[in-house]
Amino acid sequence: MVTILDTGETYGCAREENLLDAMVRLGRKGIPSGCHGGGCGVCKIHIVDGTWRGKTMSREHVSSDEEARGIVLACRAYPSSDVTLKVLGKMKKAVCRERKYGLV
């Protein structure tokens, strides 16, 4: 199970699936999914709890120090356990936007 601290939402993510692909299944409009290859940097997150394994990420977007602290690209991170994360950058704006109901 993956928990997004910013919103309290949870979603399932298989060990062979990256965190971004599973997040997109939430069906929320505006979740930036960019290139899905680690090159664009729009899916930057901070894994604050849990274990994960990662694929190569662009150092233009994630430094080796950041990666060691759990700041990674969701498209290149795969859960090895339950994971708790915070969204960053362009991802934060889309995931944490206030939802409005009714007529605008």
N, C-alpha and C. Protein backbone atom coordinates (compact mmCIF):
# COMPACT_ATOMS: atom_id res chain seq x y z
N MET A 1 0.84 -1.17 0.00
CA MET A 1 0.00 0.00 0.00
C MET A 1 0.89 1.24 0.00
N VAL A 2 0.47 2.23 -0.76
CA VAL A 2 1.19 3.51 -0.83
C VAL A 2 0.29 4.58 -0.22
N THR A 3 0.85 5.41 0.65
CA THR A 3 0.12 6.51 1.27
C THR A 3 0.74 7.82 0.82
N ILE A 4 -0.10 8.75 0.35
CA ILE A 4 0.35 10.09 0.00
C ILE A 4 0.08 10.97 1.22
N LEU A 5 1.13 11.36 1.93
CA LEU A 5 0.96 12.15 3.15
C LEU A 5 0.20 13.45 2.91
N ASP A 6 0.44 14.09 1.79
CA ASP A 6 -0.16 15.40 1.51
C ASP A 6 -1.68 15.36 1.47
N THR A 7 -2.26 14.25 1.03
CA THR A 7 -3.71 14.17 0.85
C THR A 7 -4.37 13.09 1.71
N GLY A 8 -3.58 12.17 2.25
CA GLY A 8 -4.13 11.06 3.02
C GLY A 8 -4.62 9.92 2.15
N GLU A 9 -4.50 10.06 0.82
CA GLU A 9 -4.95 9.00 -0.09
C GLU A 9 -4.02 7.80 0.00
N THR A 10 -4.59 6.63 -0.27
CA THR A 10 -3.79 5.41 -0.36
C THR A 10 -4.13 4.71 -1.66
N TYR A 11 -3.17 3.96 -2.16
CA TYR A 11 -3.41 3.18 -3.37
C TYR A 11 -2.49 1.97 -3.38
N GLY A 12 -2.91 0.94 -4.09
CA GLY A 12 -2.11 -0.26 -4.22
C GLY A 12 -1.07 -0.10 -5.30
N CYS A 13 0.06 -0.76 -5.11
CA CYS A 13 1.12 -0.74 -6.11
C CYS A 13 1.90 -2.06 -5.99
N ALA A 14 1.86 -2.84 -7.05
CA ALA A 14 2.58 -4.11 -7.06
C ALA A 14 4.09 -3.86 -7.10
N ARG A 15 4.86 -4.79 -6.61
CA ARG A 15 6.32 -4.63 -6.57
C ARG A 15 6.94 -4.45 -7.95
N GLU A 16 6.30 -4.97 -8.98
CA GLU A 16 6.86 -4.85 -10.33
C GLU A 16 6.34 -3.61 -11.06
N GLU A 17 5.53 -2.80 -10.38
CA GLU A 17 4.96 -1.59 -10.96
C GLU A 17 5.60 -0.37 -10.31
N ASN A 18 5.88 0.66 -11.12
CA ASN A 18 6.45 1.86 -10.50
C ASN A 18 5.36 2.67 -9.82
N LEU A 19 5.79 3.51 -8.89
CA LEU A 19 4.85 4.29 -8.07
C LEU A 19 4.00 5.23 -8.91
N LEU A 20 4.54 5.77 -9.99
CA LEU A 20 3.77 6.69 -10.83
C LEU A 20 2.65 5.99 -11.57
N ASP A 21 2.94 4.86 -12.21
CA ASP A 21 1.90 4.15 -12.95
C ASP A 21 0.72 3.80 -12.04
N ALA A 22 1.03 3.36 -10.83
CA ALA A 22 -0.03 3.02 -9.88
C ALA A 22 -0.80 4.28 -9.46
N MET A 23 -0.10 5.40 -9.27
CA MET A 23 -0.76 6.64 -8.88
C MET A 23 -1.70 7.14 -9.97
N VAL A 24 -1.32 6.98 -11.21
CA VAL A 24 -2.15 7.42 -12.33
C VAL A 24 -3.49 6.69 -12.31
N ARG A 25 -3.52 5.46 -11.84
CA ARG A 25 -4.76 4.69 -11.75
C ARG A 25 -5.77 5.30 -10.78
N LEU A 26 -5.34 6.24 -9.93
CA LEU A 26 -6.28 6.90 -9.05
C LEU A 26 -7.33 7.66 -9.84
N GLY A 27 -7.02 7.96 -11.11
CA GLY A 27 -7.97 8.62 -11.98
C GLY A 27 -8.08 10.11 -11.78
N ARG A 28 -7.12 10.69 -11.08
CA ARG A 28 -7.14 12.13 -10.84
C ARG A 28 -6.60 12.87 -12.05
N LYS A 29 -7.30 13.89 -12.51
CA LYS A 29 -6.81 14.71 -13.61
C LYS A 29 -5.60 15.50 -13.13
N GLY A 30 -4.64 15.70 -14.03
CA GLY A 30 -3.53 16.58 -13.74
C GLY A 30 -2.32 15.94 -13.09
N ILE A 31 -2.37 14.64 -12.80
CA ILE A 31 -1.17 14.01 -12.25
C ILE A 31 -0.14 13.99 -13.38
N PRO A 32 0.96 14.72 -13.21
CA PRO A 32 1.94 14.79 -14.30
C PRO A 32 2.63 13.46 -14.49
N SER A 33 2.58 12.95 -15.70
CA SER A 33 3.19 11.65 -15.93
C SER A 33 4.30 11.70 -16.97
N GLY A 34 4.53 12.83 -17.59
CA GLY A 34 5.69 13.06 -18.44
C GLY A 34 6.15 11.88 -19.27
N CYS A 35 7.44 11.63 -19.19
CA CYS A 35 8.08 10.67 -20.10
C CYS A 35 8.04 9.23 -19.61
N HIS A 36 7.82 9.00 -18.33
CA HIS A 36 7.85 7.66 -17.72
C HIS A 36 9.19 6.97 -17.87
N GLY A 37 10.24 7.73 -18.13
CA GLY A 37 11.57 7.14 -18.29
C GLY A 37 12.64 7.78 -17.44
N GLY A 38 12.26 8.68 -16.54
CA GLY A 38 13.23 9.29 -15.64
C GLY A 38 13.93 10.51 -16.19
N GLY A 39 13.53 10.98 -17.35
CA GLY A 39 14.25 12.09 -17.97
C GLY A 39 13.64 13.46 -17.79
N CYS A 40 12.33 13.56 -17.51
CA CYS A 40 11.70 14.89 -17.48
C CYS A 40 11.62 15.48 -16.08
N GLY A 41 11.57 14.66 -15.05
CA GLY A 41 11.59 15.15 -13.68
C GLY A 41 10.27 15.62 -13.10
N VAL A 42 9.17 15.51 -13.81
CA VAL A 42 7.90 16.06 -13.30
C VAL A 42 7.28 15.22 -12.18
N CYS A 43 7.71 14.01 -12.00
CA CYS A 43 7.08 13.13 -11.00
C CYS A 43 7.94 12.98 -9.74
N LYS A 44 8.61 14.03 -9.34
CA LYS A 44 9.50 13.99 -8.19
C LYS A 44 8.70 13.84 -6.89
N ILE A 45 9.14 12.91 -6.06
CA ILE A 45 8.50 12.62 -4.78
C ILE A 45 9.56 12.44 -3.70
N HIS A 46 9.12 12.42 -2.46
CA HIS A 46 10.01 12.11 -1.34
C HIS A 46 9.42 10.92 -0.60
N ILE A 47 10.11 9.80 -0.65
CA ILE A 47 9.67 8.61 0.09
C ILE A 47 10.15 8.79 1.52
N VAL A 48 9.20 8.98 2.44
CA VAL A 48 9.54 9.26 3.83
C VAL A 48 9.53 8.01 4.71
N ASP A 49 8.90 6.95 4.22
CA ASP A 49 8.86 5.71 4.99
C ASP A 49 8.68 4.55 4.04
N GLY A 50 9.30 3.43 4.36
CA GLY A 50 9.18 2.23 3.53
C GLY A 50 10.44 2.00 2.72
N THR A 51 10.48 0.84 2.09
CA THR A 51 11.64 0.49 1.27
C THR A 51 11.24 0.43 -0.20
N TRP A 52 12.18 0.73 -1.05
CA TRP A 52 11.93 0.80 -2.48
C TRP A 52 13.23 0.46 -3.20
N ARG A 53 13.08 0.16 -4.46
CA ARG A 53 14.25 -0.02 -5.32
C ARG A 53 14.04 0.88 -6.52
N GLY A 54 15.11 1.34 -7.09
CA GLY A 54 14.98 2.30 -8.18
C GLY A 54 15.76 1.93 -9.41
N LYS A 55 15.33 2.49 -10.51
CA LYS A 55 16.07 2.40 -11.76
C LYS A 55 16.82 3.72 -11.94
N THR A 56 17.68 3.78 -12.92
CA THR A 56 18.48 4.97 -13.18
C THR A 56 17.60 6.20 -13.35
N MET A 57 18.00 7.28 -12.67
CA MET A 57 17.29 8.56 -12.75
C MET A 57 18.23 9.63 -13.27
N SER A 58 17.69 10.58 -13.99
CA SER A 58 18.47 11.69 -14.51
C SER A 58 19.04 12.51 -13.36
N ARG A 59 20.35 12.70 -13.34
CA ARG A 59 20.99 13.51 -12.30
C ARG A 59 20.67 14.99 -12.49
N GLU A 60 20.10 15.34 -13.62
CA GLU A 60 19.63 16.71 -13.82
C GLU A 60 18.45 17.01 -12.89
N HIS A 61 17.70 15.97 -12.55
CA HIS A 61 16.50 16.13 -11.73
C HIS A 61 16.63 15.59 -10.32
N VAL A 62 17.46 14.58 -10.11
CA VAL A 62 17.64 13.97 -8.80
C VAL A 62 19.13 13.73 -8.58
N SER A 63 19.70 14.42 -7.59
CA SER A 63 21.12 14.21 -7.29
C SER A 63 21.29 12.89 -6.54
N SER A 64 22.51 12.40 -6.47
CA SER A 64 22.76 11.15 -5.74
C SER A 64 22.47 11.35 -4.25
N ASP A 65 22.72 12.56 -3.73
CA ASP A 65 22.41 12.86 -2.33
C ASP A 65 20.90 12.81 -2.10
N GLU A 66 20.13 13.41 -3.01
CA GLU A 66 18.66 13.38 -2.89
C GLU A 66 18.17 11.94 -2.93
N GLU A 67 18.66 11.17 -3.88
CA GLU A 67 18.22 9.78 -4.01
C GLU A 67 18.50 9.01 -2.73
N ALA A 68 19.66 9.24 -2.12
CA ALA A 68 20.00 8.56 -0.86
C ALA A 68 19.04 8.94 0.26
N ARG A 69 18.44 10.14 0.19
CA ARG A 69 17.47 10.60 1.20
C ARG A 69 16.04 10.23 0.83
N GLY A 70 15.83 9.51 -0.29
CA GLY A 70 14.49 9.08 -0.68
C GLY A 70 13.77 10.05 -1.59
N ILE A 71 14.47 11.07 -2.08
CA ILE A 71 13.87 12.00 -3.04
C ILE A 71 14.17 11.43 -4.42
N VAL A 72 13.11 10.96 -5.09
CA VAL A 72 13.25 10.18 -6.32
C VAL A 72 12.17 10.55 -7.33
N LEU A 73 12.28 9.98 -8.50
CA LEU A 73 11.23 10.11 -9.51
C LEU A 73 10.30 8.91 -9.38
N ALA A 74 9.00 9.18 -9.26
CA ALA A 74 8.02 8.11 -9.05
C ALA A 74 8.02 7.09 -10.19
N CYS A 75 8.37 7.54 -11.40
CA CYS A 75 8.38 6.63 -12.54
C CYS A 75 9.54 5.65 -12.50
N ARG A 76 10.51 5.89 -11.63
CA ARG A 76 11.70 5.04 -11.55
C ARG A 76 11.81 4.34 -10.20
N ALA A 77 10.77 4.45 -9.36
CA ALA A 77 10.80 3.86 -8.02
C ALA A 77 9.74 2.77 -7.89
N TYR A 78 10.15 1.64 -7.34
CA TYR A 78 9.30 0.46 -7.20
C TYR A 78 9.27 0.07 -5.72
N PRO A 79 8.08 -0.12 -5.15
CA PRO A 79 8.00 -0.43 -3.72
C PRO A 79 8.47 -1.84 -3.40
N SER A 80 9.19 -1.96 -2.27
CA SER A 80 9.56 -3.27 -1.74
C SER A 80 8.77 -3.56 -0.48
N SER A 81 8.04 -2.55 0.00
CA SER A 81 7.20 -2.67 1.19
C SER A 81 6.11 -1.61 1.05
N ASP A 82 5.30 -1.45 2.09
CA ASP A 82 4.40 -0.31 2.11
C ASP A 82 5.25 0.95 2.09
N VAL A 83 4.76 1.98 1.40
CA VAL A 83 5.53 3.21 1.23
C VAL A 83 4.66 4.41 1.59
N THR A 84 5.25 5.37 2.27
CA THR A 84 4.61 6.66 2.54
C THR A 84 5.44 7.71 1.83
N LEU A 85 4.75 8.59 1.07
CA LEU A 85 5.49 9.57 0.29
C LEU A 85 4.85 10.94 0.36
N LYS A 86 5.67 11.94 0.03
CA LYS A 86 5.21 13.33 -0.15
C LYS A 86 5.47 13.67 -1.60
N VAL A 87 4.60 14.47 -2.17
CA VAL A 87 4.80 14.90 -3.55
C VAL A 87 5.56 16.22 -3.57
N LEU A 88 6.37 16.43 -4.61
CA LEU A 88 7.21 17.61 -4.72
C LEU A 88 7.01 18.29 -6.06
N GLY A 89 7.47 19.52 -6.17
CA GLY A 89 7.51 20.24 -7.43
C GLY A 89 6.20 20.26 -8.18
N LYS A 90 6.28 19.99 -9.49
CA LYS A 90 5.10 20.02 -10.37
C LYS A 90 4.06 18.99 -9.93
N MET A 91 4.50 17.90 -9.39
CA MET A 91 3.59 16.86 -8.91
C MET A 91 2.74 17.40 -7.75
N LYS A 92 3.34 18.16 -6.85
CA LYS A 92 2.62 18.67 -5.68
C LYS A 92 1.45 19.56 -6.10
N LYS A 93 1.67 20.43 -7.07
CA LYS A 93 0.62 21.34 -7.51
C LYS A 93 -0.60 20.55 -8.00
N ALA A 94 -0.38 19.49 -8.75
CA ALA A 94 -1.48 18.71 -9.32
C ALA A 94 -2.17 17.84 -8.28
N VAL A 95 -1.40 17.17 -7.45
CA VAL A 95 -1.97 16.21 -6.50
C VAL A 95 -2.67 16.92 -5.34
N CYS A 96 -2.14 18.06 -4.91
CA CYS A 96 -2.64 18.71 -3.70
C CYS A 96 -3.60 19.86 -3.96
N ARG A 97 -3.94 20.09 -5.23
CA ARG A 97 -4.85 21.20 -5.51
C ARG A 97 -6.18 20.98 -4.83
N GLU A 98 -6.77 22.07 -4.41
CA GLU A 98 -8.07 22.01 -3.75
C GLU A 98 -9.13 21.66 -4.78
N ARG A 99 -9.97 20.74 -4.45
CA ARG A 99 -11.05 20.37 -5.36
C ARG A 99 -12.26 21.23 -5.06
N LYS A 100 -12.88 21.75 -6.10
CA LYS A 100 -14.08 22.57 -5.94
C LYS A 100 -15.28 21.79 -6.44
N TYR A 101 -16.37 21.93 -5.74
CA TYR A 101 -17.58 21.23 -6.11
C TYR A 101 -18.68 22.24 -6.43
N GLY A 102 -19.63 21.83 -7.21
CA GLY A 102 -20.74 22.71 -7.54
C GLY A 102 -20.42 23.61 -8.70
N LEU A 103 -21.23 24.64 -8.87
CA LEU A 103 -21.04 25.58 -9.96
C LEU A 103 -19.96 26.57 -9.60
N VAL A 104 -19.18 26.92 -10.62
CA VAL A 104 -18.09 27.88 -10.39
C VAL A 104 -18.42 29.19 -11.04
